[in-house]
Structure formats: C-alpha cells, structure tokens
Amino acid sequence: MANPNVTENGQSSALIFLGTGCSSAVPNLMCLIQPSDPPCHVCSQALSIPPERNPNYRCNTSLLIDYCRSDGNHSYILIDVGKTFREQVLRWFTAYKIPRVDSIILTHEHADAVLGLDDIRAVQPYSATNDIDPTSIYLSQHAMESIATKFPYLVQKKYKDGQEVRRVAQLDWRIIEDQCEKPFVASGLGFVPLPVMHGEDYVCLGFLFGDKCRVAYISDVSRFPASTEYVISKSGAGQVDILILDTLYKDGSHNVHLCLPQSLEAVKRICPKRALFIGMTHGFDHHKDNEFLMEWTKREGIPVQLAHDGLRIPIAL
C-alpha cells in the first residue's frame, strides 16, 4: 500500500515543532533560581538532561512547515518567531538541515510570537547594504501596527537624509484578513485564517492548511467563535487530519488560554483524526501526561498527545 505521507516523487513534506512551550518557556526560571522543596521535577531535569533529549524542555510555540512542492523543491514556512527563535534555529534547523526561511506567518503580535524578528537577518543572505530579496511575512493589520511601533527599523521603507544604512532583517510585509473567507498563499501553500478569541478583548489567528492532509494550527485561544469552529469541525465543513491546539495548564482554567480540560472538550467537539497539544507550562510532565492522554484516547477514540520540541511529522500537503 502506498504511503499517504509521501508525495508522488517520493519526497515528503513535514511539520517540525520548533517550540511547544508557553511564553515564559520551560524550564520555569523561578524553579531554578528559587527551587521548591522538593524541587520541580520537570524544571530540574533541564539541569541534568540535554534539551534535545528532554521533551519537557520547551521553547516558545512555533511551527516550521517543510513544504515539498510537486516538482520536488522545498519551501520553508515559519509560523511565529518568538523570544527563543535563535535557540530553535541552533537546535532544530541544524538537526533537520533547514537551509533558510522562505516566508513567515504571524498568529499575533505578542512577545512570544514576534520578538525573534530581529534574528531573521541571521538566516538571510549577508549584505551589509541590505541588498537582498526580502522574506515575505503575513500578518493582520492590527499586528502590523503594533510591530511598526516595536520594530520601526524593520518596517521603514525609506531612509532619512544622513541616516546610515544598518544591516537588519529584510521583510516584505503582507497584510492578511482575519476572516475564514479570506485565504492567502505563502510560498505556494494555501492558508485559511482562523480567527479565535485570545481573551475576550483580543482576536488571534490560527491557520488551516493542506489539501491532501488538512492541518489546523491554533496556538493561542480561549474560545472558538462558531464560524471558526465550523470550518475545522467534522460536523461542520469537514474533519481535519491534525489539530494542533493550545493547552496552557494541566488543571483549572485561564482567561486567555485553553487548559487541558477545555482543550480535551474542544477536541471532542471538533473531532479531528488526531490532535497534538502545544503551549504547555512546566505543570506538564511529557511522559507521565502522555500516558494519561493515551487512556483518554482509548476511551474517546481520538488520538491525542502532547507535542514536543523537535517533533517532526512527515505529511502530504
């Protein structure tokens, strides 16, 4: 039987999880500088186990899509560029031989999604005079306005008289709509924006992509508008193959993020073929909590696991 995850030319696209942690990342620094008694098991591991062998070491949430086109050429599409981007490049770009970033998509403009933008210059060709093709970056108008304030030197188009040229990331800013009905294309791959509430005062974007296998990526969400949930639900527009979903805390609730109880309820409603959780704090122990999720999977019939930094999933897009 043919492998559904391999394209006709024998090459595969892939999803690479560059980061699966919360904004402050894991280990939690306070657990290291003011350790509890007994110490936090998850965070104390970071001092004794190399991060590449420790699934409890989590950088800011970020996904790299290694998109294999029909001609066999690859495009590399990055979703979010957070505070830990440089570390993610050192660890996972090198491990998986990722040579570049072709385009960037931003879910929103919070620190854990954008503060690595300055480091994009380090994965672009060198030019002291910025004489290179810019990297396309897709974002909402609201995010654009915020980033123009945070990073004016990355946004400005013209230099003032007497202003020195400084080497900075070269970015081609492209505004997208925060509506499911307004798809866009990045590096040859189509995306559907999935507006969700990230707290009741803020709209964040998730994204649906892939034709052969449909993937929904939703990293920061506290509530699904009905129109968005319809687009990705089995009982709505159609079942997705993989749902990648926010889950901040193992217990309780949070005002701007889903936590495990709400994430599992969302999975039951949406009913994907498979779900992977991201955005976890140090309250999650990867191996222990995946055992719990395996039992949940047996009861509910929907495979669910915690993702981890460096996870690579071959997929046909």
C-alpha atoms as a PDB file:
ATOM      1  CA  MET A   1       0.000   0.000   0.000  1.00  0.00           C
ATOM      2  CA  ALA A   2       1.288   3.463  -0.873  1.00  0.00           C
ATOM      3  CA  ASN A   3       2.394   5.703   1.987  1.00  0.00           C
ATOM      4  CA  PRO A   4      -0.128   8.596   2.168  1.00  0.00           C
ATOM      5  CA  ASN A   5       2.526  10.831   3.721  1.00  0.00           C
ATOM      6  CA  VAL A   6       4.849  10.687   0.714  1.00  0.00           C
ATOM      7  CA  THR A   7       4.357  12.705  -2.436  1.00  0.00           C
ATOM      8  CA  GLU A   8       4.375  11.186  -5.927  1.00  0.00           C
ATOM      9  CA  ASN A   9       8.048  11.978  -6.434  1.00  0.00           C
ATOM     10  CA  GLY A  10       8.947  10.064  -3.280  1.00  0.00           C
ATOM     11  CA  GLN A  11       9.673  13.112  -1.168  1.00  0.00           C
ATOM     12  CA  SER A  12       7.690  14.232   1.810  1.00  0.00           C
ATOM     13  CA  SER A  13       6.535  17.455   3.350  1.00  0.00           C
ATOM     14  CA  ALA A  14       6.863  17.684   7.126  1.00  0.00           C
ATOM     15  CA  LEU A  15       5.713  19.597  10.177  1.00  0.00           C
ATOM     16  CA  ILE A  16       8.560  20.443  12.549  1.00  0.00           C
ATOM     17  CA  PHE A  17       7.651  21.679  16.025  1.00  0.00           C
ATOM     18  CA  LEU A  18      10.311  24.267  16.837  1.00  0.00           C
ATOM     19  CA  GLY A  19       8.681  25.108  20.161  1.00  0.00           C
ATOM     20  CA  THR A  20       5.795  23.753  22.228  1.00  0.00           C
ATOM     21  CA  GLY A  21       6.004  25.841  25.396  1.00  0.00           C
ATOM     22  CA  CYS A  22       4.325  28.836  26.959  1.00  0.00           C
ATOM     23  CA  SER A  23       5.529  32.441  26.684  1.00  0.00           C
ATOM     24  CA  SER A  24       7.980  32.118  29.592  1.00  0.00           C
ATOM     25  CA  ALA A  25       9.164  28.751  28.173  1.00  0.00           C
ATOM     26  CA  VAL A  26      10.184  25.668  30.163  1.00  0.00           C
ATOM     27  CA  PRO A  27      12.093  25.303  32.451  1.00  0.00           C
ATOM     28  CA  ASN A  28      10.463  27.984  34.559  1.00  0.00           C
ATOM     29  CA  LEU A  29      13.289  30.229  35.721  1.00  0.00           C
ATOM     30  CA  MET A  30      11.898  30.654  39.222  1.00  0.00           C
ATOM     31  CA  CYS A  31      12.040  26.883  39.690  1.00  0.00           C
ATOM     32  CA  LEU A  32      15.788  27.099  39.056  1.00  0.00           C
ATOM     33  CA  ILE A  33      16.752  30.231  40.998  1.00  0.00           C
ATOM     34  CA  GLN A  34      14.340  29.682  43.908  1.00  0.00           C
ATOM     35  CA  PRO A  35      13.805  25.901  43.919  1.00  0.00           C
ATOM     36  CA  SER A  36      10.936  24.444  45.899  1.00  0.00           C
ATOM     37  CA  ASP A  37      11.259  21.568  48.364  1.00  0.00           C
ATOM     38  CA  PRO A  38      11.068  19.077  46.768  1.00  0.00           C
ATOM     39  CA  PRO A  39      12.310  20.656  43.524  1.00  0.00           C
ATOM     40  CA  CYS A  40      10.059  20.911  40.470  1.00  0.00           C
ATOM     41  CA  HIS A  41      10.697  17.613  38.680  1.00  0.00           C
ATOM     42  CA  VAL A  42      10.093  18.979  35.184  1.00  0.00           C
ATOM     43  CA  CYS A  43      12.306  22.042  35.548  1.00  0.00           C
ATOM     44  CA  SER A  44      15.123  20.377  37.484  1.00  0.00           C
ATOM     45  CA  GLN A  45      15.555  17.914  34.600  1.00  0.00           C
ATOM     46  CA  ALA A  46      16.806  20.807  32.471  1.00  0.00           C
ATOM     47  CA  LEU A  47      19.971  20.963  34.570  1.00  0.00           C
ATOM     48  CA  SER A  48      20.818  17.300  34.076  1.00  0.00           C
ATOM     49  CA  ILE A  49      19.361  16.189  30.721  1.00  0.00           C
ATOM     50  CA  PRO A  50      20.411  17.809  27.414  1.00  0.00           C
ATOM     51  CA  PRO A  51      17.438  19.671  25.901  1.00  0.00           C
ATOM     52  CA  GLU A  52      17.495  17.622  22.697  1.00  0.00           C
ATOM     53  CA  ARG A  53      16.784  14.513  24.800  1.00  0.00           C
ATOM     54  CA  ASN A  54      14.348  16.197  27.161  1.00  0.00           C
ATOM     55  CA  PRO A  55      10.779  16.639  25.838  1.00  0.00           C
ATOM     56  CA  ASN A  56       9.991  18.766  28.898  1.00  0.00           C
ATOM     57  CA  TYR A  57      12.358  21.491  27.628  1.00  0.00           C
ATOM     58  CA  ARG A  58      10.034  23.800  25.709  1.00  0.00           C
ATOM     59  CA  CYS A  59      10.732  26.936  23.701  1.00  0.00           C
ATOM     60  CA  ASN A  60       8.050  29.405  22.593  1.00  0.00           C
ATOM     61  CA  THR A  61       5.392  27.865  20.355  1.00  0.00           C
ATOM     62  CA  SER A  62       6.434  27.853  16.706  1.00  0.00           C
ATOM     63  CA  LEU A  63       5.892  25.540  13.746  1.00  0.00           C
ATOM     64  CA  LEU A  64       8.065  25.118  10.657  1.00  0.00           C
ATOM     65  CA  ILE A  65       6.315  23.729   7.590  1.00  0.00           C
ATOM     66  CA  ASP A  66       8.737  21.974   5.240  1.00  0.00           C
ATOM     67  CA  TYR A  67       6.562  22.041   2.125  1.00  0.00           C
ATOM     68  CA  CYS A  68       7.602  19.723  -0.691  1.00  0.00           C
ATOM     69  CA  ARG A  69       6.124  21.015  -3.936  1.00  0.00           C
ATOM     70  CA  SER A  70       5.058  18.798  -6.820  1.00  0.00           C
ATOM     71  CA  ASP A  71       8.370  19.486  -8.583  1.00  0.00           C
ATOM     72  CA  GLY A  72      10.320  18.181  -5.586  1.00  0.00           C
ATOM     73  CA  ASN A  73      11.594  21.580  -4.462  1.00  0.00           C
ATOM     74  CA  HIS A  74      11.062  22.580  -0.848  1.00  0.00           C
ATOM     75  CA  SER A  75       9.685  25.769   0.675  1.00  0.00           C
ATOM     76  CA  TYR A  76      10.128  26.555   4.373  1.00  0.00           C
ATOM     77  CA  ILE A  77       7.253  28.399   6.037  1.00  0.00           C
ATOM     78  CA  LEU A  78       7.609  29.567   9.635  1.00  0.00           C
ATOM     79  CA  ILE A  79       4.637  30.248  11.908  1.00  0.00           C
ATOM     80  CA  ASP A  80       5.660  32.733  14.635  1.00  0.00           C
ATOM     81  CA  VAL A  81       9.118  33.984  15.568  1.00  0.00           C
ATOM     82  CA  GLY A  82       9.224  34.238  19.340  1.00  0.00           C
ATOM     83  CA  LYS A  83      11.769  35.111  22.005  1.00  0.00           C
ATOM     84  CA  THR A  84      13.515  31.740  21.627  1.00  0.00           C
ATOM     85  CA  PHE A  85      13.875  31.758  17.829  1.00  0.00           C
ATOM     86  CA  ARG A  86      17.698  31.790  17.782  1.00  0.00           C
ATOM     87  CA  GLU A  87      17.803  28.803  20.115  1.00  0.00           C
ATOM     88  CA  GLN A  88      15.333  26.955  17.905  1.00  0.00           C
ATOM     89  CA  VAL A  89      17.495  27.574  14.839  1.00  0.00           C
ATOM     90  CA  LEU A  90      20.575  26.282  16.646  1.00  0.00           C
ATOM     91  CA  ARG A  91      18.786  23.159  17.790  1.00  0.00           C
ATOM     92  CA  TRP A  92      16.351  22.177  15.035  1.00  0.00           C
ATOM     93  CA  PHE A  93      17.351  23.927  11.811  1.00  0.00           C
ATOM     94  CA  THR A  94      20.753  22.305  12.142  1.00  0.00           C
ATOM     95  CA  ALA A  95      19.351  18.896  13.145  1.00  0.00           C
ATOM     96  CA  TYR A  96      16.949  18.766  10.203  1.00  0.00           C
ATOM     97  CA  LYS A  97      19.183  20.623   7.747  1.00  0.00           C
ATOM     98  CA  ILE A  98      16.762  23.505   7.189  1.00  0.00           C
ATOM     99  CA  PRO A  99      18.692  25.902   4.911  1.00  0.00           C
ATOM    100  CA  ARG A 100      16.503  29.019   5.045  1.00  0.00           C
ATOM    101  CA  VAL A 101      13.129  30.584   5.773  1.00  0.00           C
ATOM    102  CA  ASP A 102      11.063  31.383   2.668  1.00  0.00           C
ATOM    103  CA  SER A 103       8.100  33.028   4.344  1.00  0.00           C
ATOM    104  CA  ILE A 104       6.761  33.827   7.799  1.00  0.00           C
ATOM    105  CA  ILE A 105       3.204  33.848   9.140  1.00  0.00           C
ATOM    106  CA  LEU A 106       2.303  35.517  12.433  1.00  0.00           C
ATOM    107  CA  THR A 107      -0.598  34.473  14.626  1.00  0.00           C
ATOM    108  CA  HIS A 108      -0.492  37.745  16.595  1.00  0.00           C
ATOM    109  CA  GLU A 109       1.970  40.357  17.838  1.00  0.00           C
ATOM    110  CA  HIS A 110       2.613  39.246  21.430  1.00  0.00           C
ATOM    111  CA  ALA A 111       6.207  38.854  22.586  1.00  0.00           C
ATOM    112  CA  ASP A 112       6.312  35.061  22.321  1.00  0.00           C
ATOM    113  CA  ALA A 113       5.286  35.307  18.665  1.00  0.00           C
ATOM    114  CA  VAL A 114       7.380  38.223  17.340  1.00  0.00           C
ATOM    115  CA  LEU A 115      10.384  39.138  19.490  1.00  0.00           C
ATOM    116  CA  GLY A 116      12.676  36.946  17.384  1.00  0.00           C
ATOM    117  CA  LEU A 117      12.047  39.005  14.253  1.00  0.00           C
ATOM    118  CA  ASP A 118      15.361  40.806  14.605  1.00  0.00           C
ATOM    119  CA  ASP A 119      17.135  37.436  14.341  1.00  0.00           C
ATOM    120  CA  ILE A 120      15.629  36.724  10.918  1.00  0.00           C
ATOM    121  CA  ARG A 121      18.625  38.590   9.462  1.00  0.00           C
ATOM    122  CA  ALA A 122      20.813  35.729  10.719  1.00  0.00           C
ATOM    123  CA  VAL A 123      19.038  33.259   8.417  1.00  0.00           C
ATOM    124  CA  GLN A 124      19.081  35.582   5.402  1.00  0.00           C
ATOM    125  CA  PRO A 125      21.957  36.048   2.939  1.00  0.00           C
ATOM    126  CA  TYR A 126      24.553  38.524   4.183  1.00  0.00           C
ATOM    127  CA  SER A 127      24.553  42.016   2.751  1.00  0.00           C
ATOM    128  CA  ALA A 128      25.964  44.980   4.632  1.00  0.00           C
ATOM    129  CA  THR A 129      23.794  47.271   2.488  1.00  0.00           C
ATOM    130  CA  ASN A 130      20.622  45.143   2.798  1.00  0.00           C
ATOM    131  CA  ASP A 131      20.735  44.362  -0.913  1.00  0.00           C
ATOM    132  CA  ILE A 132      18.820  41.068  -0.718  1.00  0.00           C
ATOM    133  CA  ASP A 133      15.349  39.819  -1.558  1.00  0.00           C
ATOM    134  CA  PRO A 134      13.124  40.334   1.492  1.00  0.00           C
ATOM    135  CA  THR A 135      11.345  37.467   3.243  1.00  0.00           C
ATOM    136  CA  SER A 136       7.572  37.661   2.894  1.00  0.00           C
ATOM    137  CA  ILE A 137       5.762  37.980   6.228  1.00  0.00           C
ATOM    138  CA  TYR A 138       1.996  37.608   6.539  1.00  0.00           C
ATOM    139  CA  LEU A 139       0.115  39.251   9.417  1.00  0.00           C
ATOM    140  CA  SER A 140      -3.046  41.100  10.365  1.00  0.00           C
ATOM    141  CA  GLN A 141      -3.380  44.870  10.189  1.00  0.00           C
ATOM    142  CA  HIS A 142      -3.523  45.044  13.989  1.00  0.00           C
ATOM    143  CA  ALA A 143      -0.282  43.068  14.295  1.00  0.00           C
ATOM    144  CA  MET A 144       1.327  45.270  11.627  1.00  0.00           C
ATOM    145  CA  GLU A 145       0.536  48.446  13.569  1.00  0.00           C
ATOM    146  CA  SER A 146       1.937  47.008  16.794  1.00  0.00           C
ATOM    147  CA  ILE A 147       5.117  45.713  15.154  1.00  0.00           C
ATOM    148  CA  ALA A 148       5.700  49.055  13.438  1.00  0.00           C
ATOM    149  CA  THR A 149       5.926  50.518  16.946  1.00  0.00           C
ATOM    150  CA  LYS A 150       8.060  47.693  18.374  1.00  0.00           C
ATOM    151  CA  PHE A 151      10.406  47.380  15.383  1.00  0.00           C
ATOM    152  CA  PRO A 152      10.284  50.617  13.350  1.00  0.00           C
ATOM    153  CA  TYR A 153      13.646  49.838  11.734  1.00  0.00           C
ATOM    154  CA  LEU A 154      12.250  46.574  10.322  1.00  0.00           C
ATOM    155  CA  VAL A 155       9.270  48.343   8.786  1.00  0.00           C
ATOM    156  CA  GLN A 156      10.621  51.622   7.386  1.00  0.00           C
ATOM    157  CA  LYS A 157      10.925  51.770   3.615  1.00  0.00           C
ATOM    158  CA  LYS A 158      12.954  54.936   3.093  1.00  0.00           C
ATOM    159  CA  TYR A 159      15.963  56.350   4.875  1.00  0.00           C
ATOM    160  CA  LYS A 160      16.037  59.900   6.105  1.00  0.00           C
ATOM    161  CA  ASP A 161      18.743  62.245   4.827  1.00  0.00           C
ATOM    162  CA  GLY A 162      22.021  61.428   6.528  1.00  0.00           C
ATOM    163  CA  GLN A 163      20.751  58.196   8.061  1.00  0.00           C
ATOM    164  CA  GLU A 164      23.282  55.363   7.993  1.00  0.00           C
ATOM    165  CA  VAL A 165      22.373  52.011   6.454  1.00  0.00           C
ATOM    166  CA  ARG A 166      22.461  49.300   9.098  1.00  0.00           C
ATOM    167  CA  ARG A 167      22.152  45.601   8.463  1.00  0.00           C
ATOM    168  CA  VAL A 168      18.683  44.500   9.574  1.00  0.00           C
ATOM    169  CA  ALA A 169      16.248  41.765   8.593  1.00  0.00           C
ATOM    170  CA  GLN A 170      14.669  42.436   5.220  1.00  0.00           C
ATOM    171  CA  LEU A 171      10.941  41.726   5.361  1.00  0.00           C
ATOM    172  CA  ASP A 172       8.142  42.138   2.845  1.00  0.00           C
ATOM    173  CA  TRP A 173       5.076  42.907   4.993  1.00  0.00           C
ATOM    174  CA  ARG A 174       1.829  41.464   3.609  1.00  0.00           C
ATOM    175  CA  ILE A 175      -1.482  42.164   5.328  1.00  0.00           C
ATOM    176  CA  ILE A 176      -3.970  39.303   5.607  1.00  0.00           C
ATOM    177  CA  GLU A 177      -7.592  39.444   6.708  1.00  0.00           C
ATOM    178  CA  ASP A 178      -8.740  37.907   9.979  1.00  0.00           C
ATOM    179  CA  GLN A 179     -11.593  36.091   8.238  1.00  0.00           C
ATOM    180  CA  CYS A 180     -12.025  32.448   7.287  1.00  0.00           C
ATOM    181  CA  GLU A 181     -13.382  33.594   3.926  1.00  0.00           C
ATOM    182  CA  LYS A 182     -10.111  35.351   3.020  1.00  0.00           C
ATOM    183  CA  PRO A 183      -7.476  32.661   2.252  1.00  0.00           C
ATOM    184  CA  PHE A 184      -3.947  33.516   1.153  1.00  0.00           C
ATOM    185  CA  VAL A 185      -0.936  31.736  -0.304  1.00  0.00           C
ATOM    186  CA  ALA A 186       2.552  31.700   1.260  1.00  0.00           C
ATOM    187  CA  SER A 187       5.417  30.095  -0.667  1.00  0.00           C
ATOM    188  CA  GLY A 188       2.977  28.107  -2.777  1.00  0.00           C
ATOM    189  CA  LEU A 189       0.907  26.712   0.107  1.00  0.00           C
ATOM    190  CA  GLY A 190      -2.638  27.897   0.734  1.00  0.00           C
ATOM    191  CA  PHE A 191      -3.760  29.039   4.188  1.00  0.00           C
ATOM    192  CA  VAL A 192      -7.166  29.863   5.658  1.00  0.00           C
ATOM    193  CA  PRO A 193      -7.099  32.316   8.599  1.00  0.00           C
ATOM    194  CA  LEU A 194      -8.886  31.004  11.696  1.00  0.00           C
ATOM    195  CA  PRO A 195      -9.798  33.921  13.973  1.00  0.00           C
ATOM    196  CA  VAL A 196     -10.159  32.863  17.615  1.00  0.00           C
ATOM    197  CA  MET A 197     -10.513  34.702  20.907  1.00  0.00           C
ATOM    198  CA  HIS A 198      -7.310  35.004  22.953  1.00  0.00           C
ATOM    199  CA  GLY A 199      -9.170  36.512  25.885  1.00  0.00           C
ATOM    200  CA  GLU A 200     -12.459  38.261  25.215  1.00  0.00           C
ATOM    201  CA  ASP A 201     -10.722  41.529  24.270  1.00  0.00           C
ATOM    202  CA  TYR A 202      -8.396  40.140  21.601  1.00  0.00           C
ATOM    203  CA  VAL A 203      -8.580  38.249  18.300  1.00  0.00           C
ATOM    204  CA  CYS A 204      -5.672  35.932  17.452  1.00  0.00           C
ATOM    205  CA  LEU A 205      -5.228  33.925  14.253  1.00  0.00           C
ATOM    206  CA  GLY A 206      -4.879  30.226  13.790  1.00  0.00           C
ATOM    207  CA  PHE A 207      -4.412  28.724  10.333  1.00  0.00           C
ATOM    208  CA  LEU A 208      -5.814  25.844   8.300  1.00  0.00           C
ATOM    209  CA  PHE A 209      -3.597  24.474   5.537  1.00  0.00           C
ATOM    210  CA  GLY A 210      -3.066  21.438   3.325  1.00  0.00           C
ATOM    211  CA  ASP A 211      -5.174  19.800   0.605  1.00  0.00           C
ATOM    212  CA  LYS A 212      -4.234  16.114   0.875  1.00  0.00           C
ATOM    213  CA  CYS A 213      -3.979  16.314   4.649  1.00  0.00           C
ATOM    214  CA  ARG A 214      -5.726  19.211   6.393  1.00  0.00           C
ATOM    215  CA  VAL A 215      -3.925  20.719   9.366  1.00  0.00           C
ATOM    216  CA  ALA A 216      -5.383  23.271  11.791  1.00  0.00           C
ATOM    217  CA  TYR A 217      -2.817  25.171  13.885  1.00  0.00           C
ATOM    218  CA  ILE A 218      -4.257  27.170  16.811  1.00  0.00           C
ATOM    219  CA  SER A 219      -1.615  28.229  19.313  1.00  0.00           C
ATOM    220  CA  ASP A 220      -3.340  30.922  21.418  1.00  0.00           C
ATOM    221  CA  VAL A 221      -7.050  30.550  22.127  1.00  0.00           C
ATOM    222  CA  SER A 222      -9.526  30.841  24.963  1.00  0.00           C
ATOM    223  CA  ARG A 223     -12.711  30.498  22.884  1.00  0.00           C
ATOM    224  CA  PHE A 224     -13.705  29.476  19.358  1.00  0.00           C
ATOM    225  CA  PRO A 225     -16.184  31.669  17.516  1.00  0.00           C
ATOM    226  CA  ALA A 226     -18.857  29.426  15.997  1.00  0.00           C
ATOM    227  CA  SER A 227     -17.849  30.378  12.441  1.00  0.00           C
ATOM    228  CA  THR A 228     -14.232  29.309  13.037  1.00  0.00           C
ATOM    229  CA  GLU A 229     -15.140  26.071  14.780  1.00  0.00           C
ATOM    230  CA  TYR A 230     -17.435  25.177  11.861  1.00  0.00           C
ATOM    231  CA  VAL A 231     -14.551  25.418   9.374  1.00  0.00           C
ATOM    232  CA  ILE A 232     -12.468  22.780  11.186  1.00  0.00           C
ATOM    233  CA  SER A 233     -15.154  20.517  12.665  1.00  0.00           C
ATOM    234  CA  LYS A 234     -16.139  17.054  11.488  1.00  0.00           C
ATOM    235  CA  SER A 235     -19.768  18.091  11.964  1.00  0.00           C
ATOM    236  CA  GLY A 236     -19.148  21.314  10.048  1.00  0.00           C
ATOM    237  CA  ALA A 237     -17.085  21.929   6.917  1.00  0.00           C
ATOM    238  CA  GLY A 238     -15.127  18.695   7.330  1.00  0.00           C
ATOM    239  CA  GLN A 239     -12.802  16.723   9.580  1.00  0.00           C
ATOM    240  CA  VAL A 240      -9.193  17.852   9.830  1.00  0.00           C
ATOM    241  CA  ASP A 241      -6.377  15.320   9.835  1.00  0.00           C
ATOM    242  CA  ILE A 242      -4.335  17.063  12.523  1.00  0.00           C
ATOM    243  CA  LEU A 243      -5.467  19.640  15.084  1.00  0.00           C
ATOM    244  CA  ILE A 244      -2.581  21.425  16.826  1.00  0.00           C
ATOM    245  CA  LEU A 245      -4.079  23.154  19.847  1.00  0.00           C
ATOM    246  CA  ASP A 246      -3.213  25.400  22.792  1.00  0.00           C
ATOM    247  CA  THR A 247      -3.268  23.917  26.316  1.00  0.00           C
ATOM    248  CA  LEU A 248      -1.602  26.067  28.975  1.00  0.00           C
ATOM    249  CA  TYR A 249      -2.238  24.428  32.360  1.00  0.00           C
ATOM    250  CA  LYS A 250      -2.948  20.813  33.258  1.00  0.00           C
ATOM    251  CA  ASP A 251      -5.768  21.760  35.626  1.00  0.00           C
ATOM    252  CA  GLY A 252      -8.273  24.545  36.056  1.00  0.00           C
ATOM    253  CA  SER A 253      -8.858  27.339  33.575  1.00  0.00           C
ATOM    254  CA  HIS A 254      -7.243  30.567  32.326  1.00  0.00           C
ATOM    255  CA  ASN A 255      -8.716  33.778  30.972  1.00  0.00           C
ATOM    256  CA  VAL A 256      -6.748  33.901  27.708  1.00  0.00           C
ATOM    257  CA  HIS A 257      -5.757  30.275  27.010  1.00  0.00           C
ATOM    258  CA  LEU A 258      -7.389  26.881  26.927  1.00  0.00           C
ATOM    259  CA  CYS A 259      -6.188  24.496  29.620  1.00  0.00           C
ATOM    260  CA  LEU A 260      -6.214  20.716  29.403  1.00  0.00           C
ATOM    261  CA  PRO A 261      -9.865  20.179  30.450  1.00  0.00           C
ATOM    262  CA  GLN A 262     -11.111  22.754  27.907  1.00  0.00           C
ATOM    263  CA  SER A 263      -8.693  21.542  25.217  1.00  0.00           C
ATOM    264  CA  LEU A 264      -9.985  17.989  25.545  1.00  0.00           C
ATOM    265  CA  GLU A 265     -13.576  19.213  25.337  1.00  0.00           C
ATOM    266  CA  ALA A 266     -12.674  21.156  22.190  1.00  0.00           C
ATOM    267  CA  VAL A 267     -11.115  18.033  20.666  1.00  0.00           C
ATOM    268  CA  LYS A 268     -14.318  16.080  21.350  1.00  0.00           C
ATOM    269  CA  ARG A 269     -16.418  18.788  19.661  1.00  0.00           C
ATOM    270  CA  ILE A 270     -14.135  19.313  16.669  1.00  0.00           C
ATOM    271  CA  CYS A 271     -13.332  15.605  16.307  1.00  0.00           C
ATOM    272  CA  PRO A 272     -10.058  15.670  14.305  1.00  0.00           C
ATOM    273  CA  LYS A 273      -8.414  12.457  13.185  1.00  0.00           C
ATOM    274  CA  ARG A 274      -5.533  13.334  15.506  1.00  0.00           C
ATOM    275  CA  ALA A 275      -4.714  16.131  17.966  1.00  0.00           C
ATOM    276  CA  LEU A 276      -1.440  17.452  19.344  1.00  0.00           C
ATOM    277  CA  PHE A 277      -1.219  19.929  22.221  1.00  0.00           C
ATOM    278  CA  ILE A 278       1.231  22.837  22.445  1.00  0.00           C
ATOM    279  CA  GLY A 279       1.840  25.875  24.659  1.00  0.00           C
ATOM    280  CA  MET A 280       2.359  23.880  27.860  1.00  0.00           C
ATOM    281  CA  THR A 281       3.793  25.219  31.122  1.00  0.00           C
ATOM    282  CA  HIS A 282       6.091  23.297  33.466  1.00  0.00           C
ATOM    283  CA  GLY A 283       2.995  21.753  35.041  1.00  0.00           C
ATOM    284  CA  PHE A 284       3.054  19.108  32.311  1.00  0.00           C
ATOM    285  CA  ASP A 285       5.382  16.120  32.529  1.00  0.00           C
ATOM    286  CA  HIS A 286       5.655  14.882  28.936  1.00  0.00           C
ATOM    287  CA  HIS A 287       5.857  11.140  29.523  1.00  0.00           C
ATOM    288  CA  LYS A 288       3.510  10.949  32.508  1.00  0.00           C
ATOM    289  CA  ASP A 289       0.810  13.113  30.977  1.00  0.00           C
ATOM    290  CA  ASN A 290       1.010  11.385  27.611  1.00  0.00           C
ATOM    291  CA  GLU A 291       0.204   8.165  29.460  1.00  0.00           C
ATOM    292  CA  PHE A 292      -2.952   9.850  30.751  1.00  0.00           C
ATOM    293  CA  LEU A 293      -3.766  11.029  27.218  1.00  0.00           C
ATOM    294  CA  MET A 294      -3.299   7.505  25.872  1.00  0.00           C
ATOM    295  CA  GLU A 295      -6.009   6.334  28.280  1.00  0.00           C
ATOM    296  CA  TRP A 296      -8.216   9.251  27.199  1.00  0.00           C
ATOM    297  CA  THR A 297      -7.625   8.251  23.577  1.00  0.00           C
ATOM    298  CA  LYS A 298      -8.792   4.691  24.269  1.00  0.00           C
ATOM    299  CA  ARG A 299     -11.987   5.974  25.885  1.00  0.00           C
ATOM    300  CA  GLU A 300     -12.849   8.686  23.371  1.00  0.00           C
ATOM    301  CA  GLY A 301     -11.440   7.237  20.149  1.00  0.00           C
ATOM    302  CA  ILE A 302      -9.492  10.366  19.121  1.00  0.00           C
ATOM    303  CA  PRO A 303      -5.679  10.094  19.302  1.00  0.00           C
ATOM    304  CA  VAL A 304      -4.314  12.959  21.452  1.00  0.00           C
ATOM    305  CA  GLN A 305      -0.772  13.554  22.677  1.00  0.00           C
ATOM    306  CA  LEU A 306       1.440  16.370  23.903  1.00  0.00           C
ATOM    307  CA  ALA A 307       3.789  17.550  21.160  1.00  0.00           C
ATOM    308  CA  HIS A 308       7.438  18.261  21.991  1.00  0.00           C
ATOM    309  CA  ASP A 309      10.185  20.482  20.651  1.00  0.00           C
ATOM    310  CA  GLY A 310      11.872  18.832  17.693  1.00  0.00           C
ATOM    311  CA  LEU A 311       8.926  16.596  16.818  1.00  0.00           C
ATOM    312  CA  ARG A 312       8.908  16.038  13.043  1.00  0.00           C
ATOM    313  CA  ILE A 313       5.818  14.625  11.340  1.00  0.00           C
ATOM    314  CA  PRO A 314       6.052  13.621   7.655  1.00  0.00           C
ATOM    315  CA  ILE A 315       2.858  14.612   5.901  1.00  0.00           C
ATOM    316  CA  ALA A 316       1.403  15.021   2.428  1.00  0.00           C
ATOM    317  CA  LEU A 317       0.160  18.565   1.932  1.00  0.00           C
END
